[in-house]
Amino acid sequence: MGAALDGFSGKVFFIYIDMATKLILIRHGATAWNLQKRYCGFADLGLSQIGRQQVRKLSQGLSRAKIHKVYSSDRKRAMQTARIIFGKREIEIIPELREIHFGAFEGLTHKQILKKHNSVYQKWLKDPYRTAIPKGEALKDFKERIISALKKIIRKNPNKTIAVVCHGGTISVFINSILKAKNFWQYIPKSASVSVVECDNGKLSIKKYG
């Protein structure tokens, strides 16, 4: 921030120069599985009618935002969300932004998993960072995948505002990495919500969550 004197009025005007890269992280709208509270990771579901309504409402709030580039996960629910919000704009698809692979939990509700995989599920709920999902993706590997993808996006877009349409788990592991926390469940945002992260001189900071 710099200050310049106006010799005629004697007033001081502050000139703000925004040199940070801003990530607008958008969680997709609700799918049928989201509404049924089923685990949905790699499964490729599109938006439900309610999800589309959520995204259309969200798009009104983003209509005035100056966004230089749009990225999206390759799952239908994310791509449909991006298309509703950004219309005919170019959208770059990044498969690495996918949600975590829930393996044996995919498509099941909480009660169903308790019946089929009670022991490992209980352990995973208590400590997802140390418990592996049967046939699924380790949270450590998921975190590394997401951070790598988002860092590449930041490096390619210095001093720009970028929209990234992705998933709840994707946003959560990134927020946790910035906070140096392990509260995976606490930082999963609601469907069709926006979180904002800035990268200024290599330092990441959370400006808005959910």
N, C-alpha and C. Protein backbone atom coordinates (compact mmCIF):
# COMPACT_ATOMS: atom_id res chain seq x y z
N MET A 1 0.85 -1.19 0.00
CA MET A 1 0.00 0.00 0.00
C MET A 1 0.89 1.24 0.00
N GLY A 2 0.55 2.21 -0.85
CA GLY A 2 1.34 3.44 -0.89
C GLY A 2 0.44 4.65 -0.70
N ALA A 3 0.99 5.78 -0.32
CA ALA A 3 0.21 7.00 -0.11
C ALA A 3 0.76 8.11 -0.98
N ALA A 4 -0.15 8.96 -1.54
CA ALA A 4 0.28 10.07 -2.39
C ALA A 4 -0.45 11.33 -1.94
N LEU A 5 0.28 12.46 -1.87
CA LEU A 5 -0.31 13.72 -1.44
C LEU A 5 -0.89 14.48 -2.61
N ASP A 6 -2.11 15.00 -2.41
CA ASP A 6 -2.74 15.87 -3.39
C ASP A 6 -2.40 17.31 -2.99
N GLY A 7 -1.55 17.98 -3.78
CA GLY A 7 -1.07 19.30 -3.41
C GLY A 7 -2.14 20.36 -3.36
N PHE A 8 -3.28 20.14 -4.03
CA PHE A 8 -4.33 21.15 -4.07
C PHE A 8 -5.25 21.07 -2.85
N SER A 9 -5.62 19.90 -2.46
CA SER A 9 -6.59 19.78 -1.38
C SER A 9 -5.94 19.46 -0.04
N GLY A 10 -4.69 19.00 -0.08
CA GLY A 10 -4.03 18.63 1.16
C GLY A 10 -4.46 17.28 1.69
N LYS A 11 -5.31 16.56 0.95
CA LYS A 11 -5.80 15.26 1.38
C LYS A 11 -4.80 14.16 1.02
N VAL A 12 -4.85 13.08 1.79
CA VAL A 12 -4.00 11.93 1.50
C VAL A 12 -4.84 10.83 0.88
N PHE A 13 -4.42 10.35 -0.26
CA PHE A 13 -5.13 9.28 -0.94
C PHE A 13 -4.28 8.02 -0.88
N PHE A 14 -4.90 6.91 -0.48
CA PHE A 14 -4.18 5.66 -0.43
C PHE A 14 -4.47 4.85 -1.68
N ILE A 15 -3.41 4.39 -2.31
CA ILE A 15 -3.53 3.61 -3.53
C ILE A 15 -3.24 2.15 -3.19
N TYR A 16 -4.25 1.31 -3.36
CA TYR A 16 -4.07 -0.11 -3.05
C TYR A 16 -3.68 -0.87 -4.31
N ILE A 17 -2.58 -1.59 -4.24
CA ILE A 17 -2.13 -2.39 -5.37
C ILE A 17 -2.23 -3.86 -4.97
N ASP A 18 -3.17 -4.56 -5.57
CA ASP A 18 -3.40 -5.97 -5.24
C ASP A 18 -2.51 -6.85 -6.11
N MET A 19 -1.47 -7.39 -5.48
CA MET A 19 -0.53 -8.21 -6.23
C MET A 19 -0.67 -9.69 -5.86
N ALA A 20 -1.77 -10.04 -5.24
CA ALA A 20 -1.98 -11.42 -4.81
C ALA A 20 -2.76 -12.20 -5.85
N THR A 21 -2.54 -13.51 -5.85
CA THR A 21 -3.37 -14.41 -6.65
C THR A 21 -4.53 -14.85 -5.76
N LYS A 22 -5.74 -14.70 -6.25
CA LYS A 22 -6.92 -15.02 -5.47
C LYS A 22 -7.62 -16.26 -6.04
N LEU A 23 -7.84 -17.25 -5.20
CA LEU A 23 -8.57 -18.45 -5.59
C LEU A 23 -9.99 -18.38 -5.05
N ILE A 24 -10.96 -18.40 -5.94
CA ILE A 24 -12.36 -18.49 -5.54
C ILE A 24 -12.75 -19.96 -5.66
N LEU A 25 -12.84 -20.63 -4.53
CA LEU A 25 -13.12 -22.06 -4.49
C LEU A 25 -14.62 -22.28 -4.37
N ILE A 26 -15.20 -22.89 -5.39
CA ILE A 26 -16.64 -23.07 -5.45
C ILE A 26 -16.99 -24.55 -5.31
N ARG A 27 -17.77 -24.88 -4.29
CA ARG A 27 -18.24 -26.27 -4.20
C ARG A 27 -19.46 -26.41 -5.11
N HIS A 28 -19.53 -27.53 -5.82
CA HIS A 28 -20.64 -27.78 -6.74
C HIS A 28 -21.98 -27.82 -6.02
N GLY A 29 -23.07 -27.70 -6.79
CA GLY A 29 -24.40 -27.82 -6.22
C GLY A 29 -24.71 -29.25 -5.83
N ALA A 30 -25.80 -29.44 -5.13
CA ALA A 30 -26.16 -30.76 -4.59
C ALA A 30 -26.54 -31.76 -5.68
N THR A 31 -26.11 -33.00 -5.47
CA THR A 31 -26.54 -34.12 -6.31
C THR A 31 -27.61 -34.89 -5.55
N ALA A 32 -28.19 -35.88 -6.21
CA ALA A 32 -29.18 -36.72 -5.53
C ALA A 32 -28.54 -37.44 -4.35
N TRP A 33 -27.30 -37.90 -4.51
CA TRP A 33 -26.61 -38.58 -3.41
C TRP A 33 -26.32 -37.64 -2.26
N ASN A 34 -25.98 -36.40 -2.55
CA ASN A 34 -25.78 -35.43 -1.47
C ASN A 34 -27.05 -35.27 -0.65
N LEU A 35 -28.17 -35.16 -1.34
CA LEU A 35 -29.45 -34.97 -0.66
C LEU A 35 -29.85 -36.20 0.14
N GLN A 36 -29.42 -37.37 -0.33
CA GLN A 36 -29.72 -38.62 0.37
C GLN A 36 -28.64 -38.96 1.40
N LYS A 37 -27.64 -38.08 1.51
CA LYS A 37 -26.52 -38.25 2.45
C LYS A 37 -25.75 -39.54 2.19
N ARG A 38 -25.49 -39.78 0.90
CA ARG A 38 -24.67 -40.91 0.48
C ARG A 38 -23.26 -40.40 0.15
N TYR A 39 -22.28 -41.18 0.43
CA TYR A 39 -20.91 -40.79 0.11
C TYR A 39 -20.71 -40.77 -1.40
N CYS A 40 -20.21 -39.65 -1.88
CA CYS A 40 -20.02 -39.48 -3.33
C CYS A 40 -18.63 -38.92 -3.58
N GLY A 41 -17.74 -39.76 -4.08
CA GLY A 41 -16.37 -39.33 -4.34
C GLY A 41 -16.07 -39.33 -5.82
N PHE A 42 -15.51 -40.43 -6.33
CA PHE A 42 -15.21 -40.54 -7.76
C PHE A 42 -16.47 -40.77 -8.59
N ALA A 43 -17.55 -41.23 -7.97
CA ALA A 43 -18.80 -41.47 -8.70
C ALA A 43 -19.19 -40.22 -9.48
N ASP A 44 -19.60 -40.42 -10.74
CA ASP A 44 -19.79 -39.28 -11.63
C ASP A 44 -21.26 -38.90 -11.78
N LEU A 45 -21.81 -38.28 -10.74
CA LEU A 45 -23.21 -37.86 -10.75
C LEU A 45 -23.33 -36.41 -11.20
N GLY A 46 -24.45 -36.11 -11.87
CA GLY A 46 -24.74 -34.73 -12.23
C GLY A 46 -25.52 -34.04 -11.13
N LEU A 47 -25.83 -32.79 -11.34
CA LEU A 47 -26.58 -32.01 -10.36
C LEU A 47 -28.05 -32.45 -10.30
N SER A 48 -28.61 -32.37 -9.12
CA SER A 48 -30.06 -32.58 -8.97
C SER A 48 -30.76 -31.27 -9.33
N GLN A 49 -32.08 -31.30 -9.38
CA GLN A 49 -32.83 -30.08 -9.66
C GLN A 49 -32.57 -29.03 -8.58
N ILE A 50 -32.51 -29.50 -7.34
CA ILE A 50 -32.22 -28.57 -6.24
C ILE A 50 -30.80 -28.01 -6.40
N GLY A 51 -29.87 -28.86 -6.80
CA GLY A 51 -28.50 -28.41 -7.01
C GLY A 51 -28.41 -27.33 -8.09
N ARG A 52 -29.16 -27.51 -9.14
CA ARG A 52 -29.16 -26.50 -10.21
C ARG A 52 -29.73 -25.17 -9.71
N GLN A 53 -30.76 -25.25 -8.90
CA GLN A 53 -31.34 -24.04 -8.32
C GLN A 53 -30.33 -23.34 -7.42
N GLN A 54 -29.60 -24.12 -6.63
CA GLN A 54 -28.58 -23.55 -5.75
C GLN A 54 -27.51 -22.81 -6.56
N VAL A 55 -27.09 -23.43 -7.65
CA VAL A 55 -26.02 -22.85 -8.45
C VAL A 55 -26.49 -21.59 -9.18
N ARG A 56 -27.71 -21.62 -9.68
CA ARG A 56 -28.23 -20.42 -10.35
C ARG A 56 -28.30 -19.25 -9.38
N LYS A 57 -28.67 -19.52 -8.14
CA LYS A 57 -28.70 -18.47 -7.13
C LYS A 57 -27.30 -17.97 -6.83
N LEU A 58 -26.35 -18.89 -6.72
CA LEU A 58 -24.96 -18.52 -6.47
C LEU A 58 -24.40 -17.68 -7.61
N SER A 59 -24.77 -18.01 -8.84
CA SER A 59 -24.23 -17.30 -10.00
C SER A 59 -24.57 -15.81 -9.98
N GLN A 60 -25.69 -15.46 -9.36
CA GLN A 60 -26.08 -14.06 -9.27
C GLN A 60 -25.08 -13.28 -8.42
N GLY A 61 -24.61 -13.91 -7.36
CA GLY A 61 -23.64 -13.25 -6.49
C GLY A 61 -22.26 -13.14 -7.11
N LEU A 62 -21.95 -14.01 -8.08
CA LEU A 62 -20.63 -14.00 -8.73
C LEU A 62 -20.62 -13.23 -10.04
N SER A 63 -21.77 -12.75 -10.45
CA SER A 63 -21.90 -12.14 -11.79
C SER A 63 -21.00 -10.92 -11.98
N ARG A 64 -20.69 -10.20 -10.90
CA ARG A 64 -19.89 -8.99 -11.01
C ARG A 64 -18.41 -9.21 -10.69
N ALA A 65 -18.08 -10.42 -10.30
CA ALA A 65 -16.68 -10.69 -9.95
C ALA A 65 -15.81 -10.72 -11.20
N LYS A 66 -14.65 -10.10 -11.12
CA LYS A 66 -13.71 -10.10 -12.23
C LYS A 66 -12.84 -11.34 -12.12
N ILE A 67 -13.11 -12.33 -12.93
CA ILE A 67 -12.40 -13.60 -12.87
C ILE A 67 -11.63 -13.81 -14.17
N HIS A 68 -10.33 -14.07 -14.04
CA HIS A 68 -9.47 -14.18 -15.22
C HIS A 68 -9.48 -15.58 -15.83
N LYS A 69 -9.66 -16.60 -15.01
CA LYS A 69 -9.57 -17.97 -15.50
C LYS A 69 -10.47 -18.87 -14.66
N VAL A 70 -11.04 -19.89 -15.32
CA VAL A 70 -11.94 -20.82 -14.63
C VAL A 70 -11.41 -22.25 -14.79
N TYR A 71 -11.31 -22.95 -13.68
CA TYR A 71 -10.91 -24.36 -13.67
C TYR A 71 -12.03 -25.18 -13.04
N SER A 72 -12.07 -26.47 -13.41
CA SER A 72 -13.08 -27.35 -12.83
C SER A 72 -12.56 -28.78 -12.71
N SER A 73 -13.06 -29.48 -11.72
CA SER A 73 -12.87 -30.93 -11.64
C SER A 73 -13.54 -31.55 -12.86
N ASP A 74 -13.18 -32.79 -13.18
CA ASP A 74 -13.77 -33.43 -14.35
C ASP A 74 -15.05 -34.21 -14.04
N ARG A 75 -15.56 -34.12 -12.80
CA ARG A 75 -16.82 -34.78 -12.47
C ARG A 75 -18.00 -33.94 -12.96
N LYS A 76 -19.07 -34.61 -13.42
CA LYS A 76 -20.21 -33.91 -14.02
C LYS A 76 -20.77 -32.82 -13.12
N ARG A 77 -20.89 -33.11 -11.83
CA ARG A 77 -21.49 -32.14 -10.91
C ARG A 77 -20.70 -30.85 -10.85
N ALA A 78 -19.37 -30.96 -10.97
CA ALA A 78 -18.54 -29.75 -10.96
C ALA A 78 -18.61 -29.03 -12.31
N MET A 79 -18.52 -29.78 -13.40
CA MET A 79 -18.55 -29.16 -14.73
C MET A 79 -19.90 -28.49 -15.00
N GLN A 80 -20.99 -29.11 -14.56
CA GLN A 80 -22.30 -28.50 -14.74
C GLN A 80 -22.42 -27.22 -13.92
N THR A 81 -21.87 -27.25 -12.71
CA THR A 81 -21.87 -26.05 -11.86
C THR A 81 -21.10 -24.92 -12.54
N ALA A 82 -19.93 -25.25 -13.06
CA ALA A 82 -19.09 -24.25 -13.73
C ALA A 82 -19.80 -23.67 -14.95
N ARG A 83 -20.47 -24.52 -15.71
CA ARG A 83 -21.15 -24.05 -16.92
C ARG A 83 -22.33 -23.15 -16.60
N ILE A 84 -23.09 -23.48 -15.56
CA ILE A 84 -24.22 -22.64 -15.17
C ILE A 84 -23.73 -21.26 -14.72
N ILE A 85 -22.65 -21.23 -13.96
CA ILE A 85 -22.15 -19.96 -13.44
C ILE A 85 -21.45 -19.13 -14.51
N PHE A 86 -20.63 -19.79 -15.32
CA PHE A 86 -19.75 -19.04 -16.23
C PHE A 86 -20.16 -19.10 -17.70
N GLY A 87 -21.29 -19.74 -17.99
CA GLY A 87 -21.83 -19.73 -19.35
C GLY A 87 -20.87 -20.29 -20.38
N LYS A 88 -20.59 -19.52 -21.42
CA LYS A 88 -19.77 -19.98 -22.54
C LYS A 88 -18.28 -19.72 -22.36
N ARG A 89 -17.89 -19.26 -21.18
CA ARG A 89 -16.47 -19.01 -20.95
C ARG A 89 -15.66 -20.30 -21.02
N GLU A 90 -14.40 -20.17 -21.37
CA GLU A 90 -13.52 -21.33 -21.42
C GLU A 90 -13.31 -21.87 -20.00
N ILE A 91 -13.46 -23.17 -19.86
CA ILE A 91 -13.27 -23.83 -18.57
C ILE A 91 -12.21 -24.92 -18.75
N GLU A 92 -11.13 -24.82 -18.00
CA GLU A 92 -10.07 -25.83 -18.09
C GLU A 92 -10.35 -26.95 -17.09
N ILE A 93 -10.40 -28.17 -17.59
CA ILE A 93 -10.74 -29.32 -16.76
C ILE A 93 -9.47 -29.93 -16.16
N ILE A 94 -9.48 -30.11 -14.83
CA ILE A 94 -8.35 -30.67 -14.11
C ILE A 94 -8.83 -31.91 -13.34
N PRO A 95 -8.57 -33.12 -13.84
CA PRO A 95 -9.01 -34.34 -13.16
C PRO A 95 -8.49 -34.47 -11.73
N GLU A 96 -7.31 -33.89 -11.46
CA GLU A 96 -6.70 -34.01 -10.13
C GLU A 96 -7.50 -33.29 -9.05
N LEU A 97 -8.49 -32.47 -9.45
CA LEU A 97 -9.31 -31.75 -8.48
C LEU A 97 -10.50 -32.58 -7.99
N ARG A 98 -10.59 -33.82 -8.43
CA ARG A 98 -11.70 -34.69 -8.01
C ARG A 98 -11.79 -34.82 -6.49
N GLU A 99 -12.97 -35.21 -6.05
CA GLU A 99 -13.20 -35.54 -4.65
C GLU A 99 -12.37 -36.77 -4.29
N ILE A 100 -12.23 -37.04 -3.00
CA ILE A 100 -11.55 -38.24 -2.54
C ILE A 100 -12.30 -39.49 -3.01
N HIS A 101 -11.58 -40.55 -3.29
CA HIS A 101 -12.19 -41.82 -3.70
C HIS A 101 -12.63 -42.56 -2.43
N PHE A 102 -13.95 -42.69 -2.26
CA PHE A 102 -14.46 -43.31 -1.04
C PHE A 102 -14.47 -44.84 -1.07
N GLY A 103 -14.00 -45.43 -2.16
CA GLY A 103 -13.87 -46.88 -2.22
C GLY A 103 -15.13 -47.63 -1.84
N ALA A 104 -15.02 -48.51 -0.82
CA ALA A 104 -16.15 -49.34 -0.40
C ALA A 104 -17.30 -48.53 0.19
N PHE A 105 -17.05 -47.27 0.52
CA PHE A 105 -18.11 -46.41 1.09
C PHE A 105 -18.94 -45.72 0.01
N GLU A 106 -18.47 -45.71 -1.22
CA GLU A 106 -19.15 -44.98 -2.30
C GLU A 106 -20.62 -45.39 -2.43
N GLY A 107 -21.48 -44.40 -2.46
CA GLY A 107 -22.90 -44.62 -2.71
C GLY A 107 -23.69 -45.09 -1.50
N LEU A 108 -23.01 -45.28 -0.37
CA LEU A 108 -23.68 -45.78 0.82
C LEU A 108 -23.97 -44.65 1.81
N THR A 109 -25.01 -44.83 2.60
CA THR A 109 -25.33 -43.88 3.66
C THR A 109 -24.56 -44.25 4.93
N HIS A 110 -24.61 -43.39 5.89
CA HIS A 110 -23.95 -43.62 7.18
C HIS A 110 -24.42 -44.95 7.80
N LYS A 111 -25.71 -45.17 7.82
CA LYS A 111 -26.26 -46.39 8.42
C LYS A 111 -25.83 -47.64 7.66
N GLN A 112 -25.80 -47.55 6.35
CA GLN A 112 -25.40 -48.70 5.53
C GLN A 112 -23.94 -49.06 5.74
N ILE A 113 -23.09 -48.06 5.88
CA ILE A 113 -21.67 -48.32 6.10
C ILE A 113 -21.45 -48.92 7.49
N LEU A 114 -22.21 -48.46 8.47
CA LEU A 114 -22.10 -49.03 9.81
C LEU A 114 -22.41 -50.52 9.81
N LYS A 115 -23.35 -50.92 8.97
CA LYS A 115 -23.72 -52.33 8.89
C LYS A 115 -22.68 -53.16 8.15
N LYS A 116 -22.11 -52.60 7.08
CA LYS A 116 -21.20 -53.36 6.23
C LYS A 116 -19.73 -53.27 6.65
N HIS A 117 -19.34 -52.11 7.16
CA HIS A 117 -17.92 -51.88 7.46
C HIS A 117 -17.76 -51.19 8.82
N ASN A 118 -18.45 -51.68 9.81
CA ASN A 118 -18.56 -50.98 11.09
C ASN A 118 -17.21 -50.61 11.71
N SER A 119 -16.34 -51.58 11.87
CA SER A 119 -15.08 -51.35 12.59
C SER A 119 -14.20 -50.31 11.91
N VAL A 120 -13.91 -50.51 10.62
CA VAL A 120 -13.03 -49.58 9.91
C VAL A 120 -13.69 -48.22 9.74
N TYR A 121 -15.00 -48.19 9.60
CA TYR A 121 -15.71 -46.92 9.44
C TYR A 121 -15.62 -46.09 10.72
N GLN A 122 -15.81 -46.73 11.86
CA GLN A 122 -15.72 -46.02 13.14
C GLN A 122 -14.32 -45.42 13.32
N LYS A 123 -13.31 -46.21 12.96
CA LYS A 123 -11.93 -45.72 13.07
C LYS A 123 -11.69 -44.57 12.11
N TRP A 124 -12.23 -44.69 10.89
CA TRP A 124 -12.03 -43.65 9.88
C TRP A 124 -12.70 -42.34 10.29
N LEU A 125 -13.90 -42.43 10.87
CA LEU A 125 -14.59 -41.23 11.32
C LEU A 125 -13.80 -40.51 12.42
N LYS A 126 -13.18 -41.27 13.30
CA LYS A 126 -12.42 -40.68 14.40
C LYS A 126 -11.08 -40.13 13.93
N ASP A 127 -10.44 -40.81 13.01
CA ASP A 127 -9.12 -40.38 12.55
C ASP A 127 -8.92 -40.73 11.06
N PRO A 128 -9.53 -39.95 10.18
CA PRO A 128 -9.44 -40.25 8.74
C PRO A 128 -8.03 -40.15 8.18
N TYR A 129 -7.14 -39.44 8.87
CA TYR A 129 -5.77 -39.30 8.37
C TYR A 129 -4.93 -40.55 8.60
N ARG A 130 -5.35 -41.40 9.51
CA ARG A 130 -4.57 -42.60 9.82
C ARG A 130 -5.29 -43.90 9.46
N THR A 131 -6.52 -43.79 9.01
CA THR A 131 -7.30 -44.98 8.68
C THR A 131 -7.59 -45.02 7.19
N ALA A 132 -7.27 -46.13 6.55
CA ALA A 132 -7.49 -46.28 5.12
C ALA A 132 -8.91 -46.77 4.84
N ILE A 133 -9.54 -46.21 3.80
CA ILE A 133 -10.85 -46.68 3.36
C ILE A 133 -10.63 -47.92 2.50
N PRO A 134 -11.35 -49.01 2.76
CA PRO A 134 -11.20 -50.21 1.92
C PRO A 134 -11.43 -49.88 0.45
N LYS A 135 -10.44 -50.21 -0.38
CA LYS A 135 -10.48 -49.98 -1.83
C LYS A 135 -10.58 -48.49 -2.19
N GLY A 136 -10.30 -47.64 -1.22
CA GLY A 136 -10.40 -46.20 -1.47
C GLY A 136 -9.06 -45.50 -1.45
N GLU A 137 -9.10 -44.19 -1.33
CA GLU A 137 -7.91 -43.34 -1.39
C GLU A 137 -7.53 -42.88 0.02
N ALA A 138 -6.28 -43.03 0.36
CA ALA A 138 -5.80 -42.55 1.65
C ALA A 138 -5.89 -41.02 1.69
N LEU A 139 -6.29 -40.49 2.82
CA LEU A 139 -6.45 -39.05 2.93
C LEU A 139 -5.14 -38.31 2.71
N LYS A 140 -4.03 -38.93 3.09
CA LYS A 140 -2.72 -38.34 2.86
C LYS A 140 -2.46 -38.18 1.36
N ASP A 141 -2.78 -39.22 0.59
CA ASP A 141 -2.58 -39.17 -0.86
C ASP A 141 -3.52 -38.15 -1.50
N PHE A 142 -4.74 -38.10 -1.01
CA PHE A 142 -5.73 -37.14 -1.51
C PHE A 142 -5.24 -35.72 -1.27
N LYS A 143 -4.76 -35.45 -0.08
CA LYS A 143 -4.25 -34.13 0.27
C LYS A 143 -3.11 -33.72 -0.66
N GLU A 144 -2.17 -34.63 -0.89
CA GLU A 144 -1.03 -34.33 -1.77
C GLU A 144 -1.50 -34.05 -3.19
N ARG A 145 -2.48 -34.81 -3.65
CA ARG A 145 -3.02 -34.61 -5.01
C ARG A 145 -3.64 -33.22 -5.16
N ILE A 146 -4.43 -32.83 -4.18
CA ILE A 146 -5.13 -31.55 -4.25
C ILE A 146 -4.17 -30.37 -4.13
N ILE A 147 -3.27 -30.43 -3.17
CA ILE A 147 -2.32 -29.33 -2.98
C ILE A 147 -1.45 -29.16 -4.21
N SER A 148 -1.02 -30.26 -4.80
CA SER A 148 -0.20 -30.19 -6.01
C SER A 148 -0.97 -29.52 -7.15
N ALA A 149 -2.23 -29.89 -7.33
CA ALA A 149 -3.04 -29.32 -8.42
C ALA A 149 -3.27 -27.83 -8.20
N LEU A 150 -3.59 -27.43 -6.98
CA LEU A 150 -3.88 -26.02 -6.71
C LEU A 150 -2.62 -25.16 -6.76
N LYS A 151 -1.50 -25.71 -6.36
CA LYS A 151 -0.24 -24.96 -6.47
C LYS A 151 0.13 -24.71 -7.92
N LYS A 152 -0.13 -25.69 -8.78
CA LYS A 152 0.13 -25.51 -10.21
C LYS A 152 -0.73 -24.39 -10.78
N ILE A 153 -2.00 -24.36 -10.35
CA ILE A 153 -2.92 -23.32 -10.81
C ILE A 153 -2.42 -21.95 -10.36
N ILE A 154 -1.98 -21.85 -9.11
CA ILE A 154 -1.47 -20.58 -8.59
C ILE A 154 -0.24 -20.12 -9.36
N ARG A 155 0.68 -21.05 -9.62
CA ARG A 155 1.92 -20.70 -10.34
C ARG A 155 1.62 -20.22 -11.76
N LYS A 156 0.61 -20.79 -12.39
CA LYS A 156 0.27 -20.41 -13.77
C LYS A 156 -0.47 -19.09 -13.85
N ASN A 157 -0.98 -18.59 -12.72
CA ASN A 157 -1.83 -17.40 -12.76
C ASN A 157 -1.41 -16.35 -11.72
N PRO A 158 -0.19 -15.86 -11.78
CA PRO A 158 0.25 -14.87 -10.79
C PRO A 158 -0.57 -13.58 -10.87
N ASN A 159 -0.96 -13.07 -9.70
CA ASN A 159 -1.66 -11.79 -9.59
C ASN A 159 -3.01 -11.76 -10.31
N LYS A 160 -3.65 -12.92 -10.41
CA LYS A 160 -4.96 -12.98 -11.05
C LYS A 160 -6.01 -13.57 -10.11
N THR A 161 -7.26 -13.43 -10.49
CA THR A 161 -8.36 -14.01 -9.73
C THR A 161 -8.86 -15.24 -10.48
N ILE A 162 -8.83 -16.37 -9.82
CA ILE A 162 -9.12 -17.65 -10.45
C ILE A 162 -10.30 -18.32 -9.78
N ALA A 163 -11.23 -18.85 -10.57
CA ALA A 163 -12.34 -19.63 -10.04
C ALA A 163 -12.00 -21.11 -10.19
N VAL A 164 -12.18 -21.87 -9.11
CA VAL A 164 -11.93 -23.31 -9.13
C VAL A 164 -13.19 -24.01 -8.64
N VAL A 165 -13.86 -24.71 -9.54
CA VAL A 165 -15.10 -25.41 -9.18
C VAL A 165 -14.75 -26.85 -8.84
N CYS A 166 -15.03 -27.23 -7.62
CA CYS A 166 -14.57 -28.55 -7.18
C CYS A 166 -15.51 -29.16 -6.15
N HIS A 167 -14.96 -29.76 -5.09
CA HIS A 167 -15.75 -30.58 -4.17
C HIS A 167 -15.49 -30.20 -2.72
N GLY A 168 -16.38 -30.68 -1.85
CA GLY A 168 -16.26 -30.36 -0.43
C GLY A 168 -14.97 -30.85 0.18
N GLY A 169 -14.62 -32.10 -0.08
CA GLY A 169 -13.38 -32.65 0.46
C GLY A 169 -12.16 -31.96 -0.10
N THR A 170 -12.21 -31.60 -1.37
CA THR A 170 -11.11 -30.88 -2.03
C THR A 170 -10.82 -29.57 -1.30
N ILE A 171 -11.89 -28.83 -1.01
CA ILE A 171 -11.73 -27.55 -0.32
C ILE A 171 -11.27 -27.78 1.11
N SER A 172 -11.82 -28.79 1.77
CA SER A 172 -11.47 -29.05 3.17
C SER A 172 -9.99 -29.37 3.36
N VAL A 173 -9.42 -30.25 2.54
CA VAL A 173 -8.01 -30.60 2.75
C VAL A 173 -7.10 -29.41 2.45
N PHE A 174 -7.53 -28.53 1.53
CA PHE A 174 -6.73 -27.35 1.22
C PHE A 174 -6.79 -26.35 2.39
N ILE A 175 -7.98 -26.13 2.92
CA ILE A 175 -8.14 -25.24 4.07
C ILE A 175 -7.35 -25.78 5.26
N ASN A 176 -7.44 -27.08 5.50
CA ASN A 176 -6.70 -27.69 6.60
C ASN A 176 -5.19 -27.53 6.43
N SER A 177 -4.71 -27.66 5.20
CA SER A 177 -3.27 -27.52 4.97
C SER A 177 -2.80 -26.10 5.28
N ILE A 178 -3.63 -25.11 4.96
CA ILE A 178 -3.28 -23.72 5.24
C ILE A 178 -3.26 -23.47 6.75
N LEU A 179 -4.25 -24.04 7.44
CA LEU A 179 -4.36 -23.86 8.89
C LEU A 179 -3.44 -24.80 9.67
N LYS A 180 -2.79 -25.72 8.94
CA LYS A 180 -1.97 -26.76 9.57
C LYS A 180 -2.78 -27.54 10.59
N ALA A 181 -3.99 -27.89 10.16
CA ALA A 181 -4.94 -28.60 11.01
C ALA A 181 -5.28 -29.96 10.40
N LYS A 182 -6.03 -30.75 11.15
CA LYS A 182 -6.49 -32.05 10.66
C LYS A 182 -7.98 -32.23 10.99
N ASN A 183 -8.74 -31.17 10.75
CA ASN A 183 -10.18 -31.19 11.02
C ASN A 183 -10.95 -31.36 9.70
N PHE A 184 -10.79 -32.54 9.09
CA PHE A 184 -11.36 -32.78 7.77
C PHE A 184 -12.86 -32.50 7.72
N TRP A 185 -13.61 -32.97 8.71
CA TRP A 185 -15.06 -32.82 8.68
C TRP A 185 -15.50 -31.39 8.95
N GLN A 186 -14.74 -30.67 9.74
CA GLN A 186 -15.12 -29.31 10.13
C GLN A 186 -15.12 -28.33 8.97
N TYR A 187 -14.25 -28.56 7.98
CA TYR A 187 -14.08 -27.58 6.93
C TYR A 187 -14.65 -28.01 5.57
N ILE A 188 -15.61 -28.92 5.59
CA ILE A 188 -16.31 -29.25 4.35
C ILE A 188 -17.45 -28.25 4.17
N PRO A 189 -17.38 -27.39 3.16
CA PRO A 189 -18.40 -26.34 3.00
C PRO A 189 -19.71 -26.90 2.44
N LYS A 190 -20.74 -26.10 2.53
CA LYS A 190 -22.05 -26.49 2.01
C LYS A 190 -22.03 -26.51 0.48
N SER A 191 -23.01 -27.19 -0.09
CA SER A 191 -23.15 -27.22 -1.55
C SER A 191 -23.36 -25.80 -2.08
N ALA A 192 -22.80 -25.54 -3.26
CA ALA A 192 -22.95 -24.24 -3.93
C ALA A 192 -22.53 -23.09 -3.03
N SER A 193 -21.35 -23.23 -2.43
CA SER A 193 -20.81 -22.18 -1.57
C SER A 193 -19.47 -21.72 -2.10
N VAL A 194 -19.02 -20.59 -1.58
CA VAL A 194 -17.76 -20.00 -2.03
C VAL A 194 -16.81 -19.81 -0.87
N SER A 195 -15.56 -20.21 -1.07
CA SER A 195 -14.48 -19.92 -0.13
C SER A 195 -13.38 -19.21 -0.93
N VAL A 196 -12.67 -18.30 -0.28
CA VAL A 196 -11.65 -17.51 -0.97
C VAL A 196 -10.31 -17.63 -0.27
N VAL A 197 -9.29 -17.97 -1.04
CA VAL A 197 -7.93 -18.06 -0.53
C VAL A 197 -7.04 -17.16 -1.38
N GLU A 198 -6.16 -16.42 -0.73
CA GLU A 198 -5.21 -15.57 -1.43
C GLU A 198 -3.79 -16.09 -1.24
N CYS A 199 -3.01 -15.94 -2.30
CA CYS A 199 -1.58 -16.27 -2.24
C CYS A 199 -0.80 -15.00 -2.52
N ASP A 200 -0.15 -14.48 -1.49
CA ASP A 200 0.61 -13.23 -1.61
C ASP A 200 2.08 -13.51 -1.26
N ASN A 201 2.94 -13.39 -2.27
CA ASN A 201 4.37 -13.69 -2.08
C ASN A 201 4.59 -15.08 -1.50
N GLY A 202 3.80 -16.03 -2.00
CA GLY A 202 3.96 -17.42 -1.59
C GLY A 202 3.25 -17.79 -0.31
N LYS A 203 2.65 -16.82 0.37
CA LYS A 203 1.94 -17.07 1.62
C LYS A 203 0.44 -17.19 1.37
N LEU A 204 -0.14 -18.30 1.82
CA LEU A 204 -1.57 -18.53 1.63
C LEU A 204 -2.36 -18.05 2.84
N SER A 205 -3.48 -17.40 2.57
CA SER A 205 -4.35 -16.94 3.66
C SER A 205 -5.81 -17.11 3.26
N ILE A 206 -6.64 -17.46 4.23
CA ILE A 206 -8.06 -17.68 3.98
C ILE A 206 -8.81 -16.36 4.20
N LYS A 207 -9.47 -15.88 3.16
CA LYS A 207 -10.21 -14.63 3.25
C LYS A 207 -11.70 -14.85 3.50
N LYS A 208 -12.19 -16.00 3.07
CA LYS A 208 -13.61 -16.31 3.25
C LYS A 208 -13.76 -17.82 3.23
N TYR A 209 -14.62 -18.34 4.11
CA TYR A 209 -14.90 -19.77 4.12
C TYR A 209 -16.40 -20.00 4.00
N GLY A 210 -16.77 -20.78 3.01
CA GLY A 210 -18.16 -21.22 2.87
C GLY A 210 -19.18 -20.15 2.65
